[in-house]
């Protein structure tokens, strides 16, 4: 089987995925050379990523795609994602994290209109026109000058910015806007498939399969039979495009779903079975390694 201990291999990266994003928002501006490869990860906050440099590809839930400069990406809370950059090249972006528990409380009865912030299965990529890009850059630059303080001035800028983003997200699906993956029409799906290299498309297909079957005991033999590919080749291309192994990706999927079930009131032992673990001690160990707390601590903590 390939669903073993998440952190058992030597040199495994530290994965404390639910970082403490305090109530409110946190904005960063970065323009720097890429110096390391990032593993797939998740947040307890929605992440808006204004991309000002071409990205070779981005892991968006269950697929990979290139993202050109001038795009706005929404990674909803608990959406598995990874941005990929060429080592040594300079990348420029604004990254805005919004604590969704706080945002939903502020919006009160209107919170239901912003469900997309926690819809982990549907990240969004919008290709902005020049006017939209200019507006977002101006607003983000003004917000950055507030040093992430929750003041009347910063909140005014923040809510004006969120209003504009909400308008962009709720526009009818148009050319340049992608709600991933279920909202694709067959024509768009075909166009996307043709636009990526064959190995990358194969990884897309493998990731989509893992999303659908992560609760099952998946073996490498299952994948070779499903995709008619050599096991070593599958492992090699998956690592290349995701910077993680298949077993770690499955563990990340399971623990992400477990977090949702725990918050819904399911017991830890019941949750472990619901996400595919037969061994509770393995579930506990993987959960703690990924989330940084035990399942019961996570269930009792407001994030």
C-alpha atoms as a PDB file:
ATOM      1  CA  UNK A   1       0.000   0.000   0.000  1.00  0.00           C
ATOM      2  CA  UNK A   2       1.118   3.605  -0.415  1.00  0.00           C
ATOM      3  CA  UNK A   3      -0.872   5.166   2.432  1.00  0.00           C
ATOM      4  CA  UNK A   4       1.823   4.828   5.103  1.00  0.00           C
ATOM      5  CA  UNK A   5       3.151   7.239   7.721  1.00  0.00           C
ATOM      6  CA  UNK A   6       3.186  10.787   6.329  1.00  0.00           C
ATOM      7  CA  UNK A   7       6.458  11.754   7.977  1.00  0.00           C
ATOM      8  CA  UNK A   8       8.324   8.466   7.915  1.00  0.00           C
ATOM      9  CA  UNK A   9      10.782   9.157   5.107  1.00  0.00           C
ATOM     10  CA  UNK A  10      14.093  10.834   5.817  1.00  0.00           C
ATOM     11  CA  UNK A  11      14.177  14.564   5.191  1.00  0.00           C
ATOM     12  CA  UNK A  12      10.406  14.913   5.007  1.00  0.00           C
ATOM     13  CA  UNK A  13       9.348  18.552   5.005  1.00  0.00           C
ATOM     14  CA  UNK A  14       7.579  19.954   8.055  1.00  0.00           C
ATOM     15  CA  UNK A  15       3.882  20.333   7.300  1.00  0.00           C
ATOM     16  CA  UNK A  16       2.107  22.459   9.912  1.00  0.00           C
ATOM     17  CA  UNK A  17      -0.616  23.468   7.516  1.00  0.00           C
ATOM     18  CA  UNK A  18      -3.134  25.385   9.576  1.00  0.00           C
ATOM     19  CA  UNK A  19      -0.930  28.355  10.410  1.00  0.00           C
ATOM     20  CA  UNK A  20      -2.303  30.818  12.914  1.00  0.00           C
ATOM     21  CA  UNK A  21      -3.918  33.467  10.736  1.00  0.00           C
ATOM     22  CA  UNK A  22      -5.280  35.867  13.347  1.00  0.00           C
ATOM     23  CA  UNK A  23      -8.793  37.314  13.057  1.00  0.00           C
ATOM     24  CA  UNK A  24      -8.763  39.862  10.285  1.00  0.00           C
ATOM     25  CA  UNK A  25      -6.457  39.778   7.300  1.00  0.00           C
ATOM     26  CA  UNK A  26      -2.763  39.638   6.529  1.00  0.00           C
ATOM     27  CA  UNK A  27      -1.208  41.120   3.376  1.00  0.00           C
ATOM     28  CA  UNK A  28       2.299  40.532   2.018  1.00  0.00           C
ATOM     29  CA  UNK A  29       4.053  41.974  -1.010  1.00  0.00           C
ATOM     30  CA  UNK A  30       6.975  39.978  -2.302  1.00  0.00           C
ATOM     31  CA  UNK A  31       9.443  40.512  -5.117  1.00  0.00           C
ATOM     32  CA  UNK A  32      12.308  38.103  -4.710  1.00  0.00           C
ATOM     33  CA  UNK A  33      14.163  35.238  -6.367  1.00  0.00           C
ATOM     34  CA  UNK A  34      12.726  31.779  -5.809  1.00  0.00           C
ATOM     35  CA  UNK A  35      15.144  29.886  -3.593  1.00  0.00           C
ATOM     36  CA  UNK A  36      13.336  26.647  -2.762  1.00  0.00           C
ATOM     37  CA  UNK A  37      10.494  24.408  -3.903  1.00  0.00           C
ATOM     38  CA  UNK A  38       7.254  24.523  -1.928  1.00  0.00           C
ATOM     39  CA  UNK A  39       5.312  21.386  -1.056  1.00  0.00           C
ATOM     40  CA  UNK A  40       1.511  21.206  -1.402  1.00  0.00           C
ATOM     41  CA  UNK A  41      -0.170  22.863   1.587  1.00  0.00           C
ATOM     42  CA  UNK A  42      -3.410  24.320   2.928  1.00  0.00           C
ATOM     43  CA  UNK A  43      -4.463  27.259   5.123  1.00  0.00           C
ATOM     44  CA  UNK A  44      -7.182  27.999   7.633  1.00  0.00           C
ATOM     45  CA  UNK A  45      -7.709  31.221   5.684  1.00  0.00           C
ATOM     46  CA  UNK A  46      -8.740  32.084   2.152  1.00  0.00           C
ATOM     47  CA  UNK A  47      -5.740  33.225   0.109  1.00  0.00           C
ATOM     48  CA  UNK A  48      -5.929  35.774  -2.698  1.00  0.00           C
ATOM     49  CA  UNK A  49      -2.792  35.652  -4.833  1.00  0.00           C
ATOM     50  CA  UNK A  50      -2.306  38.549  -7.264  1.00  0.00           C
ATOM     51  CA  UNK A  51       0.294  37.183  -9.615  1.00  0.00           C
ATOM     52  CA  UNK A  52       2.533  39.811 -11.239  1.00  0.00           C
ATOM     53  CA  UNK A  53       4.980  37.303 -12.778  1.00  0.00           C
ATOM     54  CA  UNK A  54       4.374  34.257 -14.968  1.00  0.00           C
ATOM     55  CA  UNK A  55       4.171  31.038 -12.943  1.00  0.00           C
ATOM     56  CA  UNK A  56       5.267  27.842 -14.749  1.00  0.00           C
ATOM     57  CA  UNK A  57       2.394  26.008 -13.106  1.00  0.00           C
ATOM     58  CA  UNK A  58       0.228  25.996 -10.015  1.00  0.00           C
ATOM     59  CA  UNK A  59      -1.342  23.046  -8.212  1.00  0.00           C
ATOM     60  CA  UNK A  60      -5.021  23.963  -7.815  1.00  0.00           C
ATOM     61  CA  UNK A  61      -6.791  21.270  -5.854  1.00  0.00           C
ATOM     62  CA  UNK A  62      -6.912  18.397  -8.308  1.00  0.00           C
ATOM     63  CA  UNK A  63      -4.995  19.746 -11.293  1.00  0.00           C
ATOM     64  CA  UNK A  64      -1.970  21.696 -12.497  1.00  0.00           C
ATOM     65  CA  UNK A  65      -1.969  24.693 -14.814  1.00  0.00           C
ATOM     66  CA  UNK A  66       0.292  27.543 -15.874  1.00  0.00           C
ATOM     67  CA  UNK A  67      -0.769  30.959 -14.553  1.00  0.00           C
ATOM     68  CA  UNK A  68       0.334  34.080 -16.467  1.00  0.00           C
ATOM     69  CA  UNK A  69       1.181  37.437 -14.927  1.00  0.00           C
ATOM     70  CA  UNK A  70      -1.860  39.623 -14.346  1.00  0.00           C
ATOM     71  CA  UNK A  71      -3.958  36.847 -12.831  1.00  0.00           C
ATOM     72  CA  UNK A  72      -5.844  36.713  -9.556  1.00  0.00           C
ATOM     73  CA  UNK A  73      -5.978  33.324  -7.867  1.00  0.00           C
ATOM     74  CA  UNK A  74      -8.341  32.412  -5.050  1.00  0.00           C
ATOM     75  CA  UNK A  75      -7.221  29.472  -2.921  1.00  0.00           C
ATOM     76  CA  UNK A  76     -10.214  28.811  -0.634  1.00  0.00           C
ATOM     77  CA  UNK A  77      -9.667  27.693   2.921  1.00  0.00           C
ATOM     78  CA  UNK A  78      -8.413  24.065   3.068  1.00  0.00           C
ATOM     79  CA  UNK A  79      -7.770  23.964  -0.694  1.00  0.00           C
ATOM     80  CA  UNK A  80      -4.631  21.952  -1.403  1.00  0.00           C
ATOM     81  CA  UNK A  81      -2.352  24.137  -3.506  1.00  0.00           C
ATOM     82  CA  UNK A  82       1.209  24.866  -4.506  1.00  0.00           C
ATOM     83  CA  UNK A  83       2.779  27.633  -6.586  1.00  0.00           C
ATOM     84  CA  UNK A  84       5.784  26.527  -8.626  1.00  0.00           C
ATOM     85  CA  UNK A  85       8.615  28.907  -9.463  1.00  0.00           C
ATOM     86  CA  UNK A  86      11.916  28.473 -11.285  1.00  0.00           C
ATOM     87  CA  UNK A  87      14.788  28.629  -8.819  1.00  0.00           C
ATOM     88  CA  UNK A  88      16.746  31.885  -9.158  1.00  0.00           C
ATOM     89  CA  UNK A  89      14.095  33.787 -11.117  1.00  0.00           C
ATOM     90  CA  UNK A  90      12.441  36.839  -9.554  1.00  0.00           C
ATOM     91  CA  UNK A  91       8.718  36.611  -8.837  1.00  0.00           C
ATOM     92  CA  UNK A  92       6.453  39.462  -7.833  1.00  0.00           C
ATOM     93  CA  UNK A  93       3.085  39.066  -6.143  1.00  0.00           C
ATOM     94  CA  UNK A  94       0.667  40.313  -3.506  1.00  0.00           C
ATOM     95  CA  UNK A  95      -0.677  37.649  -1.148  1.00  0.00           C
ATOM     96  CA  UNK A  96      -3.743  38.450   0.965  1.00  0.00           C
ATOM     97  CA  UNK A  97      -4.904  36.013   3.643  1.00  0.00           C
ATOM     98  CA  UNK A  98      -8.420  36.444   5.022  1.00  0.00           C
ATOM     99  CA  UNK A  99      -9.448  34.632   8.203  1.00  0.00           C
ATOM    100  CA  UNK A 100     -12.796  33.255   7.085  1.00  0.00           C
ATOM    101  CA  UNK A 101     -14.174  32.644  10.587  1.00  0.00           C
ATOM    102  CA  UNK A 102     -13.694  36.342  11.291  1.00  0.00           C
ATOM    103  CA  UNK A 103     -14.997  37.408   7.877  1.00  0.00           C
ATOM    104  CA  UNK A 104     -18.146  35.320   8.161  1.00  0.00           C
ATOM    105  CA  UNK A 105     -18.859  36.764  11.609  1.00  0.00           C
ATOM    106  CA  UNK A 106     -18.420  40.302  10.302  1.00  0.00           C
ATOM    107  CA  UNK A 107     -20.693  39.648   7.334  1.00  0.00           C
ATOM    108  CA  UNK A 108     -23.313  38.037   9.620  1.00  0.00           C
ATOM    109  CA  UNK A 109     -26.455  37.210   7.609  1.00  0.00           C
ATOM    110  CA  UNK A 110     -24.605  37.978   4.388  1.00  0.00           C
ATOM    111  CA  UNK A 111     -21.942  35.332   5.019  1.00  0.00           C
ATOM    112  CA  UNK A 112     -23.746  32.816   2.810  1.00  0.00           C
ATOM    113  CA  UNK A 113     -22.924  35.003  -0.192  1.00  0.00           C
ATOM    114  CA  UNK A 114     -19.232  34.371   0.389  1.00  0.00           C
ATOM    115  CA  UNK A 115     -19.332  30.585   0.639  1.00  0.00           C
ATOM    116  CA  UNK A 116     -16.713  30.409  -2.104  1.00  0.00           C
ATOM    117  CA  UNK A 117     -14.077  31.439   0.464  1.00  0.00           C
ATOM    118  CA  UNK A 118     -14.361  28.013   2.082  1.00  0.00           C
ATOM    119  CA  UNK A 119     -15.258  25.945  -1.001  1.00  0.00           C
ATOM    120  CA  UNK A 120     -12.016  23.947  -0.983  1.00  0.00           C
ATOM    121  CA  UNK A 121     -12.865  22.007  -4.130  1.00  0.00           C
ATOM    122  CA  UNK A 122     -13.226  25.115  -6.286  1.00  0.00           C
ATOM    123  CA  UNK A 123     -10.223  27.417  -6.490  1.00  0.00           C
ATOM    124  CA  UNK A 124     -10.568  30.202  -9.037  1.00  0.00           C
ATOM    125  CA  UNK A 125      -8.190  31.808 -11.549  1.00  0.00           C
ATOM    126  CA  UNK A 126      -9.135  35.114 -13.178  1.00  0.00           C
ATOM    127  CA  UNK A 127      -7.137  36.723 -15.987  1.00  0.00           C
ATOM    128  CA  UNK A 128      -7.507  40.447 -15.295  1.00  0.00           C
ATOM    129  CA  UNK A 129      -7.719  43.207 -17.853  1.00  0.00           C
ATOM    130  CA  UNK A 130      -5.458  46.256 -17.478  1.00  0.00           C
ATOM    131  CA  UNK A 131      -8.032  48.342 -15.602  1.00  0.00           C
ATOM    132  CA  UNK A 132      -8.886  45.560 -13.150  1.00  0.00           C
ATOM    133  CA  UNK A 133      -5.217  44.811 -12.500  1.00  0.00           C
ATOM    134  CA  UNK A 134      -4.403  48.492 -11.953  1.00  0.00           C
ATOM    135  CA  UNK A 135      -7.283  48.912  -9.492  1.00  0.00           C
ATOM    136  CA  UNK A 136      -6.330  45.843  -7.448  1.00  0.00           C
ATOM    137  CA  UNK A 137      -2.671  46.881  -7.334  1.00  0.00           C
ATOM    138  CA  UNK A 138      -3.599  50.371  -6.123  1.00  0.00           C
ATOM    139  CA  UNK A 139      -5.906  49.058  -3.426  1.00  0.00           C
ATOM    140  CA  UNK A 140      -3.402  46.454  -2.257  1.00  0.00           C
ATOM    141  CA  UNK A 141      -0.621  49.043  -2.167  1.00  0.00           C
ATOM    142  CA  UNK A 142      -2.766  51.304   0.026  1.00  0.00           C
ATOM    143  CA  UNK A 143      -3.697  48.383   2.276  1.00  0.00           C
ATOM    144  CA  UNK A 144      -0.045  47.368   2.585  1.00  0.00           C
ATOM    145  CA  UNK A 145       0.792  50.790   4.011  1.00  0.00           C
ATOM    146  CA  UNK A 146      -1.529  50.021   6.937  1.00  0.00           C
ATOM    147  CA  UNK A 147       0.834  47.299   8.214  1.00  0.00           C
ATOM    148  CA  UNK A 148      -2.016  44.792   8.673  1.00  0.00           C
ATOM    149  CA  UNK A 149      -3.508  46.808  11.528  1.00  0.00           C
ATOM    150  CA  UNK A 150      -7.287  46.641  11.994  1.00  0.00           C
ATOM    151  CA  UNK A 151      -8.094  50.356  11.916  1.00  0.00           C
ATOM    152  CA  UNK A 152     -11.092  52.204  10.438  1.00  0.00           C
ATOM    153  CA  UNK A 153      -8.907  53.277   7.515  1.00  0.00           C
ATOM    154  CA  UNK A 154      -7.495  49.828   6.789  1.00  0.00           C
ATOM    155  CA  UNK A 155     -10.915  48.182   7.114  1.00  0.00           C
ATOM    156  CA  UNK A 156     -12.405  50.692   4.686  1.00  0.00           C
ATOM    157  CA  UNK A 157      -9.746  49.812   2.106  1.00  0.00           C
ATOM    158  CA  UNK A 158     -10.071  46.092   2.828  1.00  0.00           C
ATOM    159  CA  UNK A 159     -13.851  45.946   2.389  1.00  0.00           C
ATOM    160  CA  UNK A 160     -13.671  48.069  -0.768  1.00  0.00           C
ATOM    161  CA  UNK A 161     -11.119  45.602  -2.121  1.00  0.00           C
ATOM    162  CA  UNK A 162     -13.227  42.580  -1.142  1.00  0.00           C
ATOM    163  CA  UNK A 163     -16.272  44.145  -2.804  1.00  0.00           C
ATOM    164  CA  UNK A 164     -14.365  44.440  -6.092  1.00  0.00           C
ATOM    165  CA  UNK A 165     -13.008  40.899  -5.825  1.00  0.00           C
ATOM    166  CA  UNK A 166     -16.510  39.617  -5.086  1.00  0.00           C
ATOM    167  CA  UNK A 167     -17.765  41.326  -8.261  1.00  0.00           C
ATOM    168  CA  UNK A 168     -15.002  39.680 -10.296  1.00  0.00           C
ATOM    169  CA  UNK A 169     -15.699  36.247  -8.831  1.00  0.00           C
ATOM    170  CA  UNK A 170     -19.420  36.470  -9.433  1.00  0.00           C
ATOM    171  CA  UNK A 171     -19.266  37.653 -13.027  1.00  0.00           C
ATOM    172  CA  UNK A 172     -20.681  35.099 -15.458  1.00  0.00           C
ATOM    173  CA  UNK A 173     -18.012  32.642 -16.517  1.00  0.00           C
ATOM    174  CA  UNK A 174     -16.112  34.366 -19.274  1.00  0.00           C
ATOM    175  CA  UNK A 175     -12.968  33.891 -21.286  1.00  0.00           C
ATOM    176  CA  UNK A 176     -10.024  34.144 -18.897  1.00  0.00           C
ATOM    177  CA  UNK A 177     -11.984  33.094 -15.805  1.00  0.00           C
ATOM    178  CA  UNK A 178     -11.680  29.516 -14.581  1.00  0.00           C
ATOM    179  CA  UNK A 179     -13.580  27.985 -11.724  1.00  0.00           C
ATOM    180  CA  UNK A 180     -11.786  24.743 -11.094  1.00  0.00           C
ATOM    181  CA  UNK A 181     -12.597  21.985 -11.826  1.00  0.00           C
ATOM    182  CA  UNK A 182     -16.291  21.075 -12.006  1.00  0.00           C
ATOM    183  CA  UNK A 183     -17.562  24.194 -13.761  1.00  0.00           C
ATOM    184  CA  UNK A 184     -15.561  23.587 -16.909  1.00  0.00           C
ATOM    185  CA  UNK A 185     -17.546  23.009 -20.049  1.00  0.00           C
ATOM    186  CA  UNK A 186     -16.370  20.058 -22.185  1.00  0.00           C
ATOM    187  CA  UNK A 187     -14.872  22.569 -24.665  1.00  0.00           C
ATOM    188  CA  UNK A 188     -12.843  24.325 -21.960  1.00  0.00           C
ATOM    189  CA  UNK A 189     -11.705  20.980 -20.513  1.00  0.00           C
ATOM    190  CA  UNK A 190     -10.476  19.880 -23.941  1.00  0.00           C
ATOM    191  CA  UNK A 191      -8.631  23.171 -24.494  1.00  0.00           C
ATOM    192  CA  UNK A 192      -6.920  22.930 -21.108  1.00  0.00           C
ATOM    193  CA  UNK A 193      -5.864  19.352 -21.804  1.00  0.00           C
ATOM    194  CA  UNK A 194      -4.231  20.364 -25.083  1.00  0.00           C
ATOM    195  CA  UNK A 195      -2.376  23.286 -23.500  1.00  0.00           C
ATOM    196  CA  UNK A 196      -0.235  21.306 -21.028  1.00  0.00           C
ATOM    197  CA  UNK A 197       2.650  18.848 -21.577  1.00  0.00           C
ATOM    198  CA  UNK A 198       1.734  15.155 -21.580  1.00  0.00           C
ATOM    199  CA  UNK A 199       3.551  14.337 -18.284  1.00  0.00           C
ATOM    200  CA  UNK A 200       1.785  17.238 -16.560  1.00  0.00           C
ATOM    201  CA  UNK A 201      -1.584  16.087 -17.889  1.00  0.00           C
ATOM    202  CA  UNK A 202      -0.870  12.596 -16.593  1.00  0.00           C
ATOM    203  CA  UNK A 203      -0.170  14.051 -13.157  1.00  0.00           C
ATOM    204  CA  UNK A 204      -3.443  16.011 -13.441  1.00  0.00           C
ATOM    205  CA  UNK A 205      -5.258  12.745 -14.122  1.00  0.00           C
ATOM    206  CA  UNK A 206      -3.520  10.975 -11.225  1.00  0.00           C
ATOM    207  CA  UNK A 207      -4.359  13.807  -8.813  1.00  0.00           C
ATOM    208  CA  UNK A 208      -7.996  13.783  -9.938  1.00  0.00           C
ATOM    209  CA  UNK A 209      -8.092  10.015  -9.332  1.00  0.00           C
ATOM    210  CA  UNK A 210      -6.593  10.440  -5.858  1.00  0.00           C
ATOM    211  CA  UNK A 211      -9.186  13.114  -5.029  1.00  0.00           C
ATOM    212  CA  UNK A 212     -11.958  10.683  -5.864  1.00  0.00           C
ATOM    213  CA  UNK A 213     -10.449   7.591  -4.216  1.00  0.00           C
ATOM    214  CA  UNK A 214      -8.327   8.871  -1.305  1.00  0.00           C
ATOM    215  CA  UNK A 215     -10.503   7.039   1.244  1.00  0.00           C
ATOM    216  CA  UNK A 216      -9.582   3.713  -0.356  1.00  0.00           C
ATOM    217  CA  UNK A 217      -6.441   1.625   0.138  1.00  0.00           C
ATOM    218  CA  UNK A 218      -4.687   2.726  -3.045  1.00  0.00           C
ATOM    219  CA  UNK A 219      -1.571   0.846  -4.105  1.00  0.00           C
ATOM    220  CA  UNK A 220       0.959   1.721  -6.763  1.00  0.00           C
ATOM    221  CA  UNK A 221      -0.283  -1.366  -8.615  1.00  0.00           C
ATOM    222  CA  UNK A 222      -3.750   0.222  -8.702  1.00  0.00           C
ATOM    223  CA  UNK A 223      -2.299   3.336 -10.323  1.00  0.00           C
ATOM    224  CA  UNK A 224      -0.241   1.441 -12.885  1.00  0.00           C
ATOM    225  CA  UNK A 225      -3.331  -0.544 -13.847  1.00  0.00           C
ATOM    226  CA  UNK A 226      -5.533   2.549 -13.968  1.00  0.00           C
ATOM    227  CA  UNK A 227      -3.158   4.650 -16.090  1.00  0.00           C
ATOM    228  CA  UNK A 228      -1.151   2.006 -17.970  1.00  0.00           C
ATOM    229  CA  UNK A 229       2.100   3.567 -16.780  1.00  0.00           C
ATOM    230  CA  UNK A 230       5.234   2.198 -15.130  1.00  0.00           C
ATOM    231  CA  UNK A 231       5.331   2.609 -11.320  1.00  0.00           C
ATOM    232  CA  UNK A 232       8.734   4.325 -11.340  1.00  0.00           C
ATOM    233  CA  UNK A 233       7.558   6.732 -14.026  1.00  0.00           C
ATOM    234  CA  UNK A 234       4.415   7.600 -12.025  1.00  0.00           C
ATOM    235  CA  UNK A 235       6.447   8.257  -8.891  1.00  0.00           C
ATOM    236  CA  UNK A 236       8.987  10.361 -10.797  1.00  0.00           C
ATOM    237  CA  UNK A 237       6.569  12.675 -12.619  1.00  0.00           C
ATOM    238  CA  UNK A 238       4.333  13.060  -9.557  1.00  0.00           C
ATOM    239  CA  UNK A 239       7.292  14.183  -7.475  1.00  0.00           C
ATOM    240  CA  UNK A 240       8.467  16.528 -10.241  1.00  0.00           C
ATOM    241  CA  UNK A 241       5.178  18.396 -10.569  1.00  0.00           C
ATOM    242  CA  UNK A 242       3.953  18.342  -6.948  1.00  0.00           C
ATOM    243  CA  UNK A 243       7.199  18.243  -4.931  1.00  0.00           C
ATOM    244  CA  UNK A 244       5.708  15.511  -2.760  1.00  0.00           C
ATOM    245  CA  UNK A 245       5.078  11.771  -2.902  1.00  0.00           C
ATOM    246  CA  UNK A 246       1.793  10.066  -3.686  1.00  0.00           C
ATOM    247  CA  UNK A 247       1.455   8.674  -0.170  1.00  0.00           C
ATOM    248  CA  UNK A 248       1.997  12.114   1.371  1.00  0.00           C
ATOM    249  CA  UNK A 249      -0.532  13.632  -1.001  1.00  0.00           C
ATOM    250  CA  UNK A 250      -3.096  10.999   0.011  1.00  0.00           C
ATOM    251  CA  UNK A 251      -2.381  11.716   3.681  1.00  0.00           C
ATOM    252  CA  UNK A 252      -2.855  15.440   3.061  1.00  0.00           C
ATOM    253  CA  UNK A 253      -6.198  14.768   1.369  1.00  0.00           C
ATOM    254  CA  UNK A 254      -7.353  12.540   4.201  1.00  0.00           C
ATOM    255  CA  UNK A 255      -6.312  14.891   6.986  1.00  0.00           C
ATOM    256  CA  UNK A 256      -7.844  17.913   5.217  1.00  0.00           C
ATOM    257  CA  UNK A 257     -11.170  16.064   5.029  1.00  0.00           C
ATOM    258  CA  UNK A 258     -10.747  14.890   8.616  1.00  0.00           C
ATOM    259  CA  UNK A 259     -10.457  18.493   9.778  1.00  0.00           C
ATOM    260  CA  UNK A 260     -13.821  19.295   8.183  1.00  0.00           C
ATOM    261  CA  UNK A 261     -15.478  16.244   9.766  1.00  0.00           C
ATOM    262  CA  UNK A 262     -14.079  17.029  13.217  1.00  0.00           C
ATOM    263  CA  UNK A 263     -15.437  20.579  13.009  1.00  0.00           C
ATOM    264  CA  UNK A 264     -18.829  19.106  12.092  1.00  0.00           C
ATOM    265  CA  UNK A 265     -18.850  17.202  15.393  1.00  0.00           C
ATOM    266  CA  UNK A 266     -17.677  13.729  14.399  1.00  0.00           C
ATOM    267  CA  UNK A 267     -15.586  11.866  16.963  1.00  0.00           C
ATOM    268  CA  UNK A 268     -11.902  11.388  16.196  1.00  0.00           C
ATOM    269  CA  UNK A 269     -12.144   7.592  15.950  1.00  0.00           C
ATOM    270  CA  UNK A 270     -15.170   7.814  13.665  1.00  0.00           C
ATOM    271  CA  UNK A 271     -13.428  10.449  11.549  1.00  0.00           C
ATOM    272  CA  UNK A 272     -10.334   8.295  11.102  1.00  0.00           C
ATOM    273  CA  UNK A 273     -12.465   5.499   9.616  1.00  0.00           C
ATOM    274  CA  UNK A 274     -14.483   7.898   7.452  1.00  0.00           C
ATOM    275  CA  UNK A 275     -11.350   9.207   5.726  1.00  0.00           C
ATOM    276  CA  UNK A 276      -9.870   5.761   5.135  1.00  0.00           C
ATOM    277  CA  UNK A 277      -7.634   4.932   8.093  1.00  0.00           C
ATOM    278  CA  UNK A 278      -7.837   1.435   9.568  1.00  0.00           C
ATOM    279  CA  UNK A 279      -5.194   2.220  12.196  1.00  0.00           C
ATOM    280  CA  UNK A 280      -6.154   5.063  14.564  1.00  0.00           C
ATOM    281  CA  UNK A 281      -2.577   5.517  15.794  1.00  0.00           C
ATOM    282  CA  UNK A 282      -1.454   6.212  12.223  1.00  0.00           C
ATOM    283  CA  UNK A 283      -4.322   8.674  11.764  1.00  0.00           C
ATOM    284  CA  UNK A 284      -3.388  10.433  15.012  1.00  0.00           C
ATOM    285  CA  UNK A 285       0.282  10.625  14.061  1.00  0.00           C
ATOM    286  CA  UNK A 286      -0.414  11.941  10.560  1.00  0.00           C
ATOM    287  CA  UNK A 287      -2.962  14.450  11.837  1.00  0.00           C
ATOM    288  CA  UNK A 288      -0.553  15.849  14.397  1.00  0.00           C
ATOM    289  CA  UNK A 289       2.307  16.025  11.870  1.00  0.00           C
ATOM    290  CA  UNK A 290       0.184  17.902   9.340  1.00  0.00           C
ATOM    291  CA  UNK A 291      -1.996  20.098  11.552  1.00  0.00           C
ATOM    292  CA  UNK A 292       0.377  20.645  14.448  1.00  0.00           C
ATOM    293  CA  UNK A 293      -2.246  19.622  17.037  1.00  0.00           C
ATOM    294  CA  UNK A 294      -4.091  16.415  17.941  1.00  0.00           C
ATOM    295  CA  UNK A 295      -7.532  15.663  16.424  1.00  0.00           C
ATOM    296  CA  UNK A 296      -9.323  16.438  19.698  1.00  0.00           C
ATOM    297  CA  UNK A 297      -7.398  19.680  20.164  1.00  0.00           C
ATOM    298  CA  UNK A 298      -8.237  20.707  16.608  1.00  0.00           C
ATOM    299  CA  UNK A 299     -11.934  19.911  17.116  1.00  0.00           C
ATOM    300  CA  UNK A 300     -12.114  22.084  20.237  1.00  0.00           C
ATOM    301  CA  UNK A 301     -10.172  25.046  18.878  1.00  0.00           C
ATOM    302  CA  UNK A 302     -11.732  27.923  16.959  1.00  0.00           C
ATOM    303  CA  UNK A 303      -9.520  28.757  13.980  1.00  0.00           C
END
